[in-house]
Amino acid sequence: MIYKQNLETDIIEYLAKTLSIDFRDAMEKYYSSKLARQIESGENGIDNLDYKNLAEDLIENEL
């Protein structure tokens, strides 16, 4: 559980920095994404992937 929380925080921070948006806006984008649901459910071991790759995928495919 702690690992997932750290993963989510890393993804959100990366989104905020990469997109030059407020942390709160990045949280909203992340938590409303398909990626957040996949990580929460542990779908296909997605929570074991690198946060930068996950964040880039989110940017490319959902934003």
PDB file of N, CA and C in Angstrom:
ATOM      1  N   MET A   1       0.823  -1.205   0.000  1.00  0.00           N
ATOM      2  CA  MET A   1       0.000   0.000   0.000  1.00  0.00           C
ATOM      3  C   MET A   1       0.859   1.257   0.000  1.00  0.00           C
ATOM      4  N   ILE A   2       1.901   1.252   0.829  1.00  0.00           N
ATOM      5  CA  ILE A   2       2.806   2.403   0.877  1.00  0.00           C
ATOM      6  C   ILE A   2       3.461   2.604  -0.490  1.00  0.00           C
ATOM      7  N   TYR A   3       3.827   1.488  -1.130  1.00  0.00           N
ATOM      8  CA  TYR A   3       4.459   1.588  -2.437  1.00  0.00           C
ATOM      9  C   TYR A   3       3.520   2.267  -3.435  1.00  0.00           C
ATOM     10  N   LYS A   4       2.247   1.885  -3.424  1.00  0.00           N
ATOM     11  CA  LYS A   4       1.290   2.495  -4.345  1.00  0.00           C
ATOM     12  C   LYS A   4       1.124   3.987  -4.056  1.00  0.00           C
ATOM     13  N   GLN A   5       1.113   4.353  -2.784  1.00  0.00           N
ATOM     14  CA  GLN A   5       0.989   5.772  -2.431  1.00  0.00           C
ATOM     15  C   GLN A   5       2.197   6.549  -2.939  1.00  0.00           C
ATOM     16  N   ASN A   6       3.387   5.976  -2.777  1.00  0.00           N
ATOM     17  CA  ASN A   6       4.600   6.632  -3.268  1.00  0.00           C
ATOM     18  C   ASN A   6       4.587   6.722  -4.793  1.00  0.00           C
ATOM     19  N   LEU A   7       4.137   5.657  -5.441  1.00  0.00           N
ATOM     20  CA  LEU A   7       4.046   5.648  -6.902  1.00  0.00           C
ATOM     21  C   LEU A   7       3.099   6.743  -7.379  1.00  0.00           C
ATOM     22  N   GLU A   8       1.946   6.836  -6.740  1.00  0.00           N
ATOM     23  CA  GLU A   8       0.976   7.859  -7.128  1.00  0.00           C
ATOM     24  C   GLU A   8       1.532   9.261  -6.904  1.00  0.00           C
ATOM     25  N   THR A   9       2.189   9.468  -5.793  1.00  0.00           N
ATOM     26  CA  THR A   9       2.786  10.777  -5.502  1.00  0.00           C
ATOM     27  C   THR A   9       3.841  11.119  -6.542  1.00  0.00           C
ATOM     28  N   ASP A  10       4.685  10.156  -6.891  1.00  0.00           N
ATOM     29  CA  ASP A  10       5.727  10.390  -7.898  1.00  0.00           C
ATOM     30  C   ASP A  10       5.110  10.741  -9.253  1.00  0.00           C
ATOM     31  N   ILE A  11       4.061  10.044  -9.626  1.00  0.00           N
ATOM     32  CA  ILE A  11       3.387  10.324 -10.902  1.00  0.00           C
ATOM     33  C   ILE A  11       2.788  11.724 -10.888  1.00  0.00           C
ATOM     34  N   ILE A  12       2.123  12.084  -9.811  1.00  0.00           N
ATOM     35  CA  ILE A  12       1.493  13.400  -9.703  1.00  0.00           C
ATOM     36  C   ILE A  12       2.542  14.509  -9.741  1.00  0.00           C
ATOM     37  N   GLU A  13       3.627  14.331  -9.018  1.00  0.00           N
ATOM     38  CA  GLU A  13       4.701  15.338  -9.036  1.00  0.00           C
ATOM     39  C   GLU A  13       5.294  15.470 -10.432  1.00  0.00           C
ATOM     40  N   TYR A  14       5.473  14.351 -11.104  1.00  0.00           N
ATOM     41  CA  TYR A  14       6.007  14.367 -12.462  1.00  0.00           C
ATOM     42  C   TYR A  14       5.054  15.093 -13.404  1.00  0.00           C
ATOM     43  N   LEU A  15       3.762  14.812 -13.282  1.00  0.00           N
ATOM     44  CA  LEU A  15       2.773  15.510 -14.112  1.00  0.00           C
ATOM     45  C   LEU A  15       2.815  17.013 -13.867  1.00  0.00           C
ATOM     46  N   ALA A  16       2.854  17.405 -12.611  1.00  0.00           N
ATOM     47  CA  ALA A  16       2.869  18.831 -12.269  1.00  0.00           C
ATOM     48  C   ALA A  16       4.086  19.517 -12.887  1.00  0.00           C
ATOM     49  N   LYS A  17       5.239  18.885 -12.750  1.00  0.00           N
ATOM     50  CA  LYS A  17       6.470  19.483 -13.274  1.00  0.00           C
ATOM     51  C   LYS A  17       6.469  19.492 -14.802  1.00  0.00           C
ATOM     52  N   THR A  18       6.141  18.367 -15.408  1.00  0.00           N
ATOM     53  CA  THR A  18       6.202  18.238 -16.863  1.00  0.00           C
ATOM     54  C   THR A  18       5.187  19.126 -17.566  1.00  0.00           C
ATOM     55  N   LEU A  19       3.985  19.214 -16.996  1.00  0.00           N
ATOM     56  CA  LEU A  19       2.926  20.010 -17.619  1.00  0.00           C
ATOM     57  C   LEU A  19       2.899  21.451 -17.117  1.00  0.00           C
ATOM     58  N   SER A  20       3.783  21.768 -16.176  1.00  0.00           N
ATOM     59  CA  SER A  20       3.838  23.114 -15.568  1.00  0.00           C
ATOM     60  C   SER A  20       2.473  23.513 -15.010  1.00  0.00           C
ATOM     61  N   ILE A  21       1.923  22.607 -14.197  1.00  0.00           N
ATOM     62  CA  ILE A  21       0.635  22.869 -13.567  1.00  0.00           C
ATOM     63  C   ILE A  21       0.767  22.720 -12.054  1.00  0.00           C
ATOM     64  N   ASP A  22      -0.207  23.233 -11.355  1.00  0.00           N
ATOM     65  CA  ASP A  22      -0.268  23.137  -9.910  1.00  0.00           C
ATOM     66  C   ASP A  22      -0.403  21.666  -9.487  1.00  0.00           C
ATOM     67  N   PHE A  23       0.158  21.342  -8.330  1.00  0.00           N
ATOM     68  CA  PHE A  23       0.085  19.977  -7.815  1.00  0.00           C
ATOM     69  C   PHE A  23      -1.364  19.509  -7.708  1.00  0.00           C
ATOM     70  N   ARG A  24      -2.233  20.388  -7.257  1.00  0.00           N
ATOM     71  CA  ARG A  24      -3.649  20.045  -7.102  1.00  0.00           C
ATOM     72  C   ARG A  24      -4.284  19.705  -8.454  1.00  0.00           C
ATOM     73  N   ASP A  25      -3.937  20.454  -9.498  1.00  0.00           N
ATOM     74  CA  ASP A  25      -4.448  20.159 -10.841  1.00  0.00           C
ATOM     75  C   ASP A  25      -3.922  18.811 -11.341  1.00  0.00           C
ATOM     76  N   ALA A  26      -2.663  18.552 -11.039  1.00  0.00           N
ATOM     77  CA  ALA A  26      -2.071  17.273 -11.429  1.00  0.00           C
ATOM     78  C   ALA A  26      -2.763  16.122 -10.709  1.00  0.00           C
ATOM     79  N   MET A  27      -3.109  16.325  -9.449  1.00  0.00           N
ATOM     80  CA  MET A  27      -3.848  15.302  -8.694  1.00  0.00           C
ATOM     81  C   MET A  27      -5.185  15.014  -9.362  1.00  0.00           C
ATOM     82  N   GLU A  28      -5.870  16.072  -9.743  1.00  0.00           N
ATOM     83  CA  GLU A  28      -7.180  15.916 -10.382  1.00  0.00           C
ATOM     84  C   GLU A  28      -7.057  15.131 -11.682  1.00  0.00           C
ATOM     85  N   LYS A  29      -6.047  15.462 -12.472  1.00  0.00           N
ATOM     86  CA  LYS A  29      -5.844  14.759 -13.736  1.00  0.00           C
ATOM     87  C   LYS A  29      -5.521  13.289 -13.495  1.00  0.00           C
ATOM     88  N   TYR A  30      -4.662  13.046 -12.520  1.00  0.00           N
ATOM     89  CA  TYR A  30      -4.274  11.658 -12.238  1.00  0.00           C
ATOM     90  C   TYR A  30      -5.462  10.847 -11.721  1.00  0.00           C
ATOM     91  N   TYR A  31      -6.123  11.343 -10.693  1.00  0.00           N
ATOM     92  CA  TYR A  31      -7.183  10.564 -10.057  1.00  0.00           C
ATOM     93  C   TYR A  31      -8.428  10.390 -10.927  1.00  0.00           C
ATOM     94  N   SER A  32      -8.549  11.162 -11.983  1.00  0.00           N
ATOM     95  CA  SER A  32      -9.674  10.977 -12.900  1.00  0.00           C
ATOM     96  C   SER A  32      -9.273  10.117 -14.114  1.00  0.00           C
ATOM     97  N   SER A  33      -8.063   9.579 -14.069  1.00  0.00           N
ATOM     98  CA  SER A  33      -7.554   8.823 -15.217  1.00  0.00           C
ATOM     99  C   SER A  33      -7.789   7.319 -15.096  1.00  0.00           C
ATOM    100  N   LYS A  34      -7.723   6.684 -16.229  1.00  0.00           N
ATOM    101  CA  LYS A  34      -7.791   5.225 -16.299  1.00  0.00           C
ATOM    102  C   LYS A  34      -6.572   4.628 -15.594  1.00  0.00           C
ATOM    103  N   LEU A  35      -5.441   5.295 -15.717  1.00  0.00           N
ATOM    104  CA  LEU A  35      -4.210   4.830 -15.084  1.00  0.00           C
ATOM    105  C   LEU A  35      -4.391   4.694 -13.574  1.00  0.00           C
ATOM    106  N   ALA A  36      -5.021   5.661 -12.937  1.00  0.00           N
ATOM    107  CA  ALA A  36      -5.236   5.601 -11.486  1.00  0.00           C
ATOM    108  C   ALA A  36      -6.058   4.367 -11.121  1.00  0.00           C
ATOM    109  N   ARG A  37      -7.065   4.083 -11.904  1.00  0.00           N
ATOM    110  CA  ARG A  37      -7.902   2.899 -11.639  1.00  0.00           C
ATOM    111  C   ARG A  37      -7.108   1.610 -11.844  1.00  0.00           C
ATOM    112  N   GLN A  38      -6.244   1.598 -12.846  1.00  0.00           N
ATOM    113  CA  GLN A  38      -5.424   0.410 -13.101  1.00  0.00           C
ATOM    114  C   GLN A  38      -4.430   0.178 -11.967  1.00  0.00           C
ATOM    115  N   ILE A  39      -3.823   1.240 -11.487  1.00  0.00           N
ATOM    116  CA  ILE A  39      -2.873   1.114 -10.385  1.00  0.00           C
ATOM    117  C   ILE A  39      -3.588   0.668  -9.118  1.00  0.00           C
ATOM    118  N   GLU A  40      -4.738   1.236  -8.853  1.00  0.00           N
ATOM    119  CA  GLU A  40      -5.508   0.874  -7.664  1.00  0.00           C
ATOM    120  C   GLU A  40      -5.853  -0.614  -7.655  1.00  0.00           C
ATOM    121  N   SER A  41      -6.200  -1.149  -8.816  1.00  0.00           N
ATOM    122  CA  SER A  41      -6.586  -2.563  -8.887  1.00  0.00           C
ATOM    123  C   SER A  41      -5.381  -3.485  -9.076  1.00  0.00           C
ATOM    124  N   GLY A  42      -4.203  -2.904  -9.347  1.00  0.00           N
ATOM    125  CA  GLY A  42      -3.016  -3.718  -9.582  1.00  0.00           C
ATOM    126  C   GLY A  42      -3.084  -4.471 -10.899  1.00  0.00           C
ATOM    127  N   GLU A  43      -3.868  -3.932 -11.820  1.00  0.00           N
ATOM    128  CA  GLU A  43      -4.110  -4.564 -13.115  1.00  0.00           C
ATOM    129  C   GLU A  43      -2.817  -4.867 -13.863  1.00  0.00           C
ATOM    130  N   ASN A  44      -2.631  -6.127 -14.205  1.00  0.00           N
ATOM    131  CA  ASN A  44      -1.485  -6.592 -15.001  1.00  0.00           C
ATOM    132  C   ASN A  44      -0.136  -6.184 -14.422  1.00  0.00           C
ATOM    133  N   GLY A  45      -0.053  -6.005 -13.119  1.00  0.00           N
ATOM    134  CA  GLY A  45       1.210  -5.635 -12.493  1.00  0.00           C
ATOM    135  C   GLY A  45       1.675  -4.239 -12.849  1.00  0.00           C
ATOM    136  N   ILE A  46       0.755  -3.409 -13.305  1.00  0.00           N
ATOM    137  CA  ILE A  46       1.101  -2.056 -13.747  1.00  0.00           C
ATOM    138  C   ILE A  46       1.765  -1.238 -12.644  1.00  0.00           C
ATOM    139  N   ASP A  47       1.423  -1.550 -11.404  1.00  0.00           N
ATOM    140  CA  ASP A  47       1.993  -0.798 -10.280  1.00  0.00           C
ATOM    141  C   ASP A  47       3.472  -1.101 -10.064  1.00  0.00           C
ATOM    142  N   ASN A  48       4.036  -2.026 -10.833  1.00  0.00           N
ATOM    143  CA  ASN A  48       5.461  -2.339 -10.730  1.00  0.00           C
ATOM    144  C   ASN A  48       6.306  -1.624 -11.779  1.00  0.00           C
ATOM    145  N   LEU A  49       5.663  -0.846 -12.622  1.00  0.00           N
ATOM    146  CA  LEU A  49       6.387  -0.129 -13.674  1.00  0.00           C
ATOM    147  C   LEU A  49       6.932   1.198 -13.155  1.00  0.00           C
ATOM    148  N   ASP A  50       7.864   1.765 -13.886  1.00  0.00           N
ATOM    149  CA  ASP A  50       8.492   3.029 -13.522  1.00  0.00           C
ATOM    150  C   ASP A  50       7.493   4.185 -13.615  1.00  0.00           C
ATOM    151  N   TYR A  51       7.488   5.039 -12.612  1.00  0.00           N
ATOM    152  CA  TYR A  51       6.519   6.139 -12.567  1.00  0.00           C
ATOM    153  C   TYR A  51       6.655   7.087 -13.751  1.00  0.00           C
ATOM    154  N   LYS A  52       7.864   7.309 -14.242  1.00  0.00           N
ATOM    155  CA  LYS A  52       8.037   8.226 -15.381  1.00  0.00           C
ATOM    156  C   LYS A  52       7.372   7.654 -16.632  1.00  0.00           C
ATOM    157  N   ASN A  53       7.545   6.370 -16.849  1.00  0.00           N
ATOM    158  CA  ASN A  53       6.917   5.734 -18.010  1.00  0.00           C
ATOM    159  C   ASN A  53       5.400   5.782 -17.889  1.00  0.00           C
ATOM    160  N   LEU A  54       4.887   5.531 -16.694  1.00  0.00           N
ATOM    161  CA  LEU A  54       3.445   5.582 -16.475  1.00  0.00           C
ATOM    162  C   LEU A  54       2.912   6.993 -16.692  1.00  0.00           C
ATOM    163  N   ALA A  55       3.624   7.989 -16.175  1.00  0.00           N
ATOM    164  CA  ALA A  55       3.194   9.383 -16.325  1.00  0.00           C
ATOM    165  C   ALA A  55       3.238   9.800 -17.801  1.00  0.00           C
ATOM    166  N   GLU A  56       4.286   9.410 -18.508  1.00  0.00           N
ATOM    167  CA  GLU A  56       4.376   9.748 -19.931  1.00  0.00           C
ATOM    168  C   GLU A  56       3.239   9.096 -20.717  1.00  0.00           C
ATOM    169  N   ASP A  57       2.927   7.860 -20.371  1.00  0.00           N
ATOM    170  CA  ASP A  57       1.812   7.175 -21.022  1.00  0.00           C
ATOM    171  C   ASP A  57       0.511   7.898 -20.758  1.00  0.00           C
ATOM    172  N   LEU A  58       0.327   8.348 -19.535  1.00  0.00           N
ATOM    173  CA  LEU A  58      -0.882   9.108 -19.173  1.00  0.00           C
ATOM    174  C   LEU A  58      -0.970  10.394 -19.997  1.00  0.00           C
ATOM    175  N   ILE A  59       0.133  11.097 -20.109  1.00  0.00           N
ATOM    176  CA  ILE A  59       0.168  12.345 -20.873  1.00  0.00           C
ATOM    177  C   ILE A  59      -0.172  12.087 -22.339  1.00  0.00           C
ATOM    178  N   GLU A  60       0.442  11.067 -22.903  1.00  0.00           N
ATOM    179  CA  GLU A  60       0.257  10.764 -24.325  1.00  0.00           C
ATOM    180  C   GLU A  60      -1.133  10.226 -24.659  1.00  0.00           C
ATOM    181  N   ASN A  61      -1.705   9.442 -23.762  1.00  0.00           N
ATOM    182  CA  ASN A  61      -2.925   8.723 -24.110  1.00  0.00           C
ATOM    183  C   ASN A  61      -4.210   9.230 -23.451  1.00  0.00           C
ATOM    184  N   GLU A  62      -4.073  10.028 -22.386  1.00  0.00           N
ATOM    185  CA  GLU A  62      -5.286  10.441 -21.691  1.00  0.00           C
ATOM    186  C   GLU A  62      -5.457  11.950 -21.548  1.00  0.00           C
ATOM    187  N   LEU A  63      -4.404  12.708 -21.768  1.00  0.00           N
ATOM    188  CA  LEU A  63      -4.521  14.155 -21.592  1.00  0.00           C
ATOM    189  C   LEU A  63      -4.486  14.888 -22.920  1.00  0.00           C
TER     190      LEU A  63
END
